[in-house]
Amino acid sequence: MKTLSLWIFGLLLIDPTGVLGLHHFPENFVTAKRDHSNSVTLTCNTNFDGPFTWKLAAKTVDEAEEIEDLNSTYKQVGKNLIVSDVDSPLLGEYSCWSGEERLSSTFLLVEAEEGDDFDSLMKCWAKSYDCTFSCNWTKGKYTAVRLGLGDDCSEGRKSCHWVNSSGQHLNGGFQFELSHSLSPYAEETNMLVLTAEAIMNNNILRRTKRFYLRDIIQPESPQIINCQEVEQELNVTIDPPSSWSSPHSFFSLEHEIQYKLKDDGKEIKVIGSPSALIPKKISMLRVRSRDPLVLSNWSQWTPWKNVTY
């Protein structure tokens, strides 16, 4: 039988990709402080009253090693296992067993080191003032990410409703769709409170950011409806994107038109809403939009449109 010290030495030699590659948030986990000064208590969540043993998984539960040497690192008190001086070899999935029956399990994670701030990790945007917005998590080194809105999530309460990504993108990032309860017709006085948690190698990163919905508004590209000759000019008519909030008389947009002159290819930009007069002698144009009341981010440009008449 291995002693705990020999078993820990063996665990250090294991390929960490099998041990640490959490691709989802476990149902139960406990986070240890990085300074190693505090002990962590794990609980065997069971109604079973008989004797049981604790195990720490190496690669899989089937390969879990029984914790036999309850020395200064481990102390069992009733259904609790107290882990002291938490370090990398002590992280992972702890489970309690009665014979061959697993009663429950808990992951022991550690706080990630200070580093990336929220804005470098994630970009959020809203296509309109309706009830949803999107976020992209950009850092591919994390294997599981989740987001939560509200104080319940920022304060780590169990009542938090976490939103998980539908999957990891080819570039290693994650995308999320979140719902909020803000009224699009009322003055925005309350900030959104967005909390992100991410796991990498049994390290858990936690970041919270507060912002107004208006700060992340970015309409989709508008639609060029018509280019009509008016004497020596063209009247360009533009419609908001289909995803933009309605009625459009209340949720206005301003449009920026960029066009190229036929004679010298010079590019010129003008502002118009919902239409604008531009010179007739142009070869092509494109358009983008923004909310003029909050000076939101500009939408992406429409593709260049050749102009013939």
Protein backbone atom coordinates (compact mmCIF):
# COMPACT_ATOMS: atom_id res chain seq x y z
CA MET A 1 0.00 0.00 0.00
CA LYS A 2 1.28 3.43 -0.86
CA THR A 3 1.86 6.01 1.79
CA LEU A 4 0.41 9.42 1.10
CA SER A 5 3.84 10.96 0.51
CA LEU A 6 4.81 8.34 -2.09
CA TRP A 7 1.41 8.69 -3.76
CA ILE A 8 1.81 12.48 -4.04
CA PHE A 9 5.24 12.03 -5.63
CA GLY A 10 3.70 9.68 -8.20
CA LEU A 11 0.92 12.14 -8.94
CA LEU A 12 3.47 14.79 -9.87
CA LEU A 13 4.72 12.54 -12.66
CA ILE A 14 1.31 12.07 -14.27
CA ASP A 15 0.54 13.83 -17.55
CA PRO A 16 -1.49 16.84 -16.34
CA THR A 17 -3.81 16.94 -19.35
CA GLY A 18 -5.80 14.01 -18.02
CA VAL A 19 -5.83 15.27 -14.46
CA LEU A 20 -6.54 18.92 -14.97
CA GLY A 21 -8.59 19.17 -18.16
CA LEU A 22 -11.95 20.19 -16.69
CA HIS A 23 -14.22 21.04 -19.61
CA HIS A 24 -17.26 21.81 -17.48
CA PHE A 25 -17.99 23.22 -14.06
CA PRO A 26 -18.42 20.39 -11.56
CA GLU A 27 -21.62 20.29 -9.54
CA ASN A 28 -19.64 20.60 -6.31
CA PHE A 29 -16.34 22.40 -5.87
CA VAL A 30 -14.44 24.30 -3.20
CA THR A 31 -11.93 27.07 -3.90
CA ALA A 32 -8.76 27.39 -1.85
CA LYS A 33 -6.88 30.65 -1.30
CA ARG A 34 -3.60 30.87 -3.16
CA ASP A 35 -1.58 31.94 -0.11
CA HIS A 36 -1.84 28.41 1.40
CA SER A 37 -2.51 29.96 4.80
CA ASN A 38 -6.06 28.67 5.17
CA SER A 39 -7.33 25.15 5.42
CA VAL A 40 -10.18 23.94 3.19
CA THR A 41 -13.05 21.73 4.31
CA LEU A 42 -14.58 19.17 1.95
CA THR A 43 -17.86 17.49 2.89
CA CYS A 44 -19.12 14.04 2.01
CA ASN A 45 -22.68 14.90 0.98
CA THR A 46 -24.49 11.70 1.93
CA ASN A 47 -27.03 10.36 4.40
CA PHE A 48 -24.90 7.26 4.85
CA ASP A 49 -23.94 6.85 8.52
CA GLY A 50 -21.41 4.01 8.26
CA PRO A 51 -17.64 4.23 7.85
CA PHE A 52 -16.26 5.54 4.57
CA THR A 53 -12.96 6.47 2.98
CA TRP A 54 -11.76 9.48 0.98
CA LYS A 55 -10.04 9.23 -2.40
CA LEU A 56 -8.31 11.72 -4.66
CA ALA A 57 -8.64 10.97 -8.37
CA ALA A 58 -5.53 10.86 -10.54
CA LYS A 59 -6.90 10.65 -14.07
CA THR A 60 -10.28 9.05 -13.53
CA VAL A 61 -12.40 8.04 -10.57
CA ASP A 62 -11.46 4.42 -11.25
CA GLU A 63 -7.81 5.36 -10.76
CA ALA A 64 -8.46 7.25 -7.54
CA GLU A 65 -6.04 6.58 -4.74
CA GLU A 66 -7.27 6.10 -1.20
CA ILE A 67 -6.07 8.68 1.29
CA GLU A 68 -4.61 6.48 4.01
CA ASP A 69 -2.14 8.66 5.83
CA LEU A 70 -4.15 11.28 7.70
CA ASN A 71 -1.17 13.40 8.71
CA SER A 72 -0.82 17.16 9.02
CA THR A 73 -2.11 17.62 5.46
CA TYR A 74 -5.42 15.81 5.99
CA LYS A 75 -7.74 15.62 8.96
CA GLN A 76 -11.08 13.80 8.90
CA VAL A 77 -13.78 15.12 11.22
CA GLY A 78 -17.09 13.32 10.86
CA LYS A 79 -18.18 13.70 7.23
CA ASN A 80 -15.64 16.44 6.59
CA LEU A 81 -12.09 16.21 5.26
CA ILE A 82 -9.92 19.17 6.20
CA VAL A 83 -7.09 19.83 3.73
CA SER A 84 -4.22 22.07 4.86
CA ASP A 85 -1.42 23.76 2.89
CA VAL A 86 -3.20 23.28 -0.42
CA ASP A 87 -0.80 22.96 -3.35
CA SER A 88 -0.98 21.59 -6.90
CA PRO A 89 -0.62 17.87 -6.00
CA LEU A 90 -3.58 18.17 -3.62
CA LEU A 91 -5.97 19.63 -6.23
CA GLY A 92 -8.55 17.64 -8.13
CA GLU A 93 -11.59 15.47 -7.51
CA TYR A 94 -12.08 14.17 -3.98
CA SER A 95 -14.68 11.46 -3.46
CA CYS A 96 -15.97 9.55 -0.47
CA TRP A 97 -16.62 5.81 -0.71
CA SER A 98 -18.32 3.03 1.18
CA GLY A 99 -16.62 -0.05 -0.17
CA GLU A 100 -17.10 0.06 -3.97
CA GLU A 101 -19.92 2.63 -3.79
CA ARG A 102 -19.10 6.26 -4.40
CA LEU A 103 -21.19 8.41 -2.07
CA SER A 104 -20.36 11.91 -3.39
CA SER A 105 -17.53 13.96 -4.86
CA THR A 106 -16.14 17.49 -4.64
CA PHE A 107 -13.44 19.20 -6.68
CA LEU A 108 -10.75 21.15 -4.88
CA LEU A 109 -9.63 24.14 -6.97
CA VAL A 110 -7.35 27.06 -6.20
CA GLU A 111 -7.73 30.76 -6.97
CA ALA A 112 -5.97 31.76 -10.18
CA GLU A 113 -3.08 34.17 -9.92
CA GLU A 114 -3.85 37.82 -10.53
CA GLY A 115 -3.44 38.68 -14.18
CA ASP A 116 -5.83 39.41 -17.03
CA ASP A 117 -8.54 41.97 -16.34
CA PHE A 118 -12.13 41.58 -17.51
CA ASP A 119 -11.80 43.72 -20.65
CA SER A 120 -8.83 41.71 -21.91
CA LEU A 121 -10.71 38.45 -21.39
CA MET A 122 -14.12 39.28 -22.79
CA LYS A 123 -15.99 41.49 -25.23
CA CYS A 124 -19.74 42.06 -24.78
CA TRP A 125 -22.14 43.78 -27.16
CA ALA A 126 -25.88 44.26 -27.67
CA LYS A 127 -27.45 44.48 -31.12
CA SER A 128 -30.34 46.50 -29.68
CA TYR A 129 -32.07 47.52 -26.46
CA ASP A 130 -34.09 44.32 -26.40
CA CYS A 131 -33.71 41.70 -23.66
CA THR A 132 -30.51 39.91 -24.76
CA PHE A 133 -26.84 40.63 -25.30
CA SER A 134 -23.81 38.59 -26.35
CA CYS A 135 -20.32 38.06 -24.96
CA ASN A 136 -17.20 36.46 -26.40
CA TRP A 137 -14.55 35.00 -24.09
CA THR A 138 -11.32 35.42 -26.02
CA LYS A 139 -8.67 33.52 -24.05
CA GLY A 140 -8.27 29.96 -25.34
CA LYS A 141 -6.17 28.66 -22.44
CA TYR A 142 -9.28 28.19 -20.28
CA THR A 143 -11.20 24.94 -20.68
CA ALA A 144 -14.50 25.90 -19.00
CA VAL A 145 -16.16 29.30 -18.66
CA ARG A 146 -19.53 30.44 -17.29
CA LEU A 147 -21.23 33.81 -16.82
CA GLY A 148 -23.82 35.08 -14.38
CA LEU A 149 -25.82 38.32 -14.06
CA GLY A 150 -26.70 40.05 -10.83
CA ASP A 151 -25.55 40.32 -7.23
CA ASP A 152 -26.32 36.65 -6.53
CA CYS A 153 -23.50 35.73 -8.90
CA SER A 154 -21.05 38.48 -7.93
CA GLU A 155 -21.42 37.47 -4.27
CA GLY A 156 -21.16 33.74 -5.00
CA ARG A 157 -24.60 32.73 -3.78
CA LYS A 158 -26.04 29.34 -4.65
CA SER A 159 -29.11 31.10 -6.10
CA CYS A 160 -27.00 32.44 -8.99
CA HIS A 161 -28.22 31.34 -12.41
CA TRP A 162 -25.08 30.54 -14.40
CA VAL A 163 -25.03 30.56 -18.19
CA ASN A 164 -22.69 28.07 -19.86
CA SER A 165 -21.26 28.37 -23.34
CA SER A 166 -22.64 26.11 -26.02
CA GLY A 167 -19.08 24.95 -26.71
CA GLN A 168 -15.52 26.05 -27.37
CA HIS A 169 -14.82 27.83 -30.65
CA LEU A 170 -12.11 26.83 -33.09
CA ASN A 171 -10.03 29.77 -31.85
CA GLY A 172 -10.32 28.50 -28.29
CA GLY A 173 -12.82 31.10 -27.10
CA PHE A 174 -16.40 30.81 -25.88
CA GLN A 175 -19.59 32.65 -26.87
CA PHE A 176 -22.56 33.41 -24.63
CA GLU A 177 -26.09 34.75 -24.99
CA LEU A 178 -27.46 36.39 -21.84
CA SER A 179 -30.90 37.77 -20.96
CA HIS A 180 -31.59 40.85 -18.86
CA SER A 181 -34.77 42.44 -17.48
CA LEU A 182 -34.08 46.10 -18.28
CA SER A 183 -36.91 48.01 -19.91
CA PRO A 184 -35.86 49.47 -23.28
CA TYR A 185 -38.26 52.41 -22.78
CA ALA A 186 -37.08 53.56 -19.35
CA GLU A 187 -34.06 55.64 -18.45
CA GLU A 188 -31.22 53.30 -17.58
CA THR A 189 -30.25 53.92 -13.96
CA ASN A 190 -29.00 50.49 -12.88
CA MET A 191 -25.80 48.90 -14.08
CA LEU A 192 -25.60 45.32 -15.24
CA VAL A 193 -23.41 43.24 -12.93
CA LEU A 194 -21.69 40.50 -14.92
CA THR A 195 -19.54 37.85 -13.23
CA ALA A 196 -17.32 35.41 -15.11
CA GLU A 197 -15.71 32.25 -13.77
CA ALA A 198 -13.16 30.27 -15.76
CA ILE A 199 -11.20 27.08 -15.07
CA MET A 200 -7.71 26.21 -16.25
CA ASN A 201 -5.61 23.42 -14.76
CA ASN A 202 -7.63 23.24 -11.52
CA ASN A 203 -7.19 27.01 -11.16
CA ILE A 204 -10.36 29.09 -11.09
CA LEU A 205 -10.44 32.70 -12.23
CA ARG A 206 -13.24 35.01 -11.09
CA ARG A 207 -13.91 38.49 -12.46
CA THR A 208 -16.84 40.90 -12.10
CA LYS A 209 -17.65 43.98 -14.17
CA ARG A 210 -20.40 46.59 -13.89
CA PHE A 211 -21.59 48.49 -16.95
CA TYR A 212 -24.65 50.09 -18.52
CA LEU A 213 -26.36 48.34 -21.41
CA ARG A 214 -25.97 51.55 -23.43
CA ASP A 215 -22.19 51.18 -23.14
CA ILE A 216 -22.19 47.95 -25.16
CA ILE A 217 -24.77 48.86 -27.82
CA GLN A 218 -23.48 48.06 -31.32
CA PRO A 219 -26.13 47.76 -34.04
CA GLU A 220 -25.79 45.28 -36.85
CA SER A 221 -25.10 46.63 -40.31
CA PRO A 222 -27.99 48.65 -41.81
CA GLN A 223 -29.65 48.05 -45.16
CA ILE A 224 -29.16 50.23 -48.24
CA ILE A 225 -32.68 50.39 -49.67
CA ASN A 226 -32.41 52.72 -52.61
CA CYS A 227 -30.17 55.12 -54.54
CA GLN A 228 -32.42 57.55 -56.42
CA GLU A 229 -31.31 60.30 -58.81
CA VAL A 230 -32.36 63.78 -57.72
CA GLU A 231 -31.05 66.18 -60.38
CA GLN A 232 -27.25 66.16 -59.94
CA GLU A 233 -27.30 64.14 -56.71
CA LEU A 234 -28.23 60.72 -55.38
CA ASN A 235 -30.67 60.30 -52.54
CA VAL A 236 -29.52 57.26 -50.53
CA THR A 237 -32.25 55.67 -48.40
CA ILE A 238 -31.16 53.49 -45.47
CA ASP A 239 -33.16 51.21 -43.17
CA PRO A 240 -32.08 50.05 -39.71
CA PRO A 241 -31.04 46.40 -39.36
CA SER A 242 -33.90 43.96 -38.71
CA SER A 243 -32.49 43.27 -35.22
CA TRP A 244 -32.70 46.92 -34.12
CA SER A 245 -35.26 47.93 -31.48
CA SER A 246 -38.61 49.27 -32.60
CA PRO A 247 -40.43 51.54 -33.10
CA HIS A 248 -37.66 53.17 -35.11
CA SER A 249 -39.21 56.59 -34.49
CA PHE A 250 -38.27 56.13 -30.82
CA PHE A 251 -35.03 54.17 -31.28
CA SER A 252 -33.34 56.33 -33.87
CA LEU A 253 -30.10 55.60 -35.70
CA GLU A 254 -27.73 57.82 -37.58
CA HIS A 255 -25.95 56.46 -40.62
CA GLU A 256 -22.53 57.25 -41.99
CA ILE A 257 -22.13 56.88 -45.75
CA GLN A 258 -18.72 56.37 -47.29
CA TYR A 259 -18.46 56.72 -51.06
CA LYS A 260 -15.78 56.75 -53.76
CA LEU A 261 -15.74 59.39 -56.49
CA LYS A 262 -15.60 58.12 -60.04
CA ASP A 263 -13.04 60.62 -61.27
CA ASP A 264 -10.21 60.20 -58.76
CA GLY A 265 -11.32 57.41 -56.39
CA LYS A 266 -11.29 59.80 -53.43
CA GLU A 267 -13.21 58.45 -50.42
CA ILE A 268 -15.61 60.77 -48.59
CA LYS A 269 -17.85 60.23 -45.53
CA VAL A 270 -21.14 61.97 -44.74
CA ILE A 271 -23.78 61.53 -42.01
CA GLY A 272 -27.44 61.01 -42.88
CA SER A 273 -30.58 59.64 -41.25
CA PRO A 274 -32.63 57.97 -42.64
CA SER A 275 -31.47 59.31 -46.02
CA ALA A 276 -28.75 61.55 -47.40
CA LEU A 277 -27.90 63.38 -50.59
CA ILE A 278 -24.49 62.61 -52.06
CA PRO A 279 -22.80 63.51 -55.37
CA LYS A 280 -24.07 61.68 -58.42
CA LYS A 281 -20.66 60.89 -59.86
CA ILE A 282 -19.63 58.06 -57.49
CA SER A 283 -18.60 54.49 -58.21
CA MET A 284 -19.55 52.71 -55.00
CA LEU A 285 -20.70 53.27 -51.43
CA ARG A 286 -21.15 51.55 -48.10
CA VAL A 287 -22.92 52.43 -44.83
CA ARG A 288 -22.65 51.90 -41.08
CA SER A 289 -24.88 52.98 -38.16
CA ARG A 290 -24.87 53.96 -34.49
CA ASP A 291 -27.19 55.26 -31.81
CA PRO A 292 -26.65 59.05 -31.81
CA LEU A 293 -28.12 59.59 -28.35
CA VAL A 294 -25.48 57.56 -26.52
CA LEU A 295 -22.82 57.69 -29.25
CA SER A 296 -22.71 53.91 -29.34
CA ASN A 297 -20.12 51.86 -31.17
CA TRP A 298 -20.53 51.96 -34.94
CA SER A 299 -21.89 48.88 -36.64
CA GLN A 300 -19.79 46.99 -39.12
CA TRP A 301 -19.76 48.51 -42.59
CA THR A 302 -22.07 47.04 -45.18
CA PRO A 303 -20.29 45.50 -48.18
CA TRP A 304 -19.31 47.99 -50.87
CA LYS A 305 -22.24 48.53 -53.27
CA ASN A 306 -21.53 49.42 -56.89
CA VAL A 307 -23.58 52.36 -58.08
CA THR A 308 -24.97 52.32 -61.62
CA TYR A 309 -27.60 54.61 -63.18
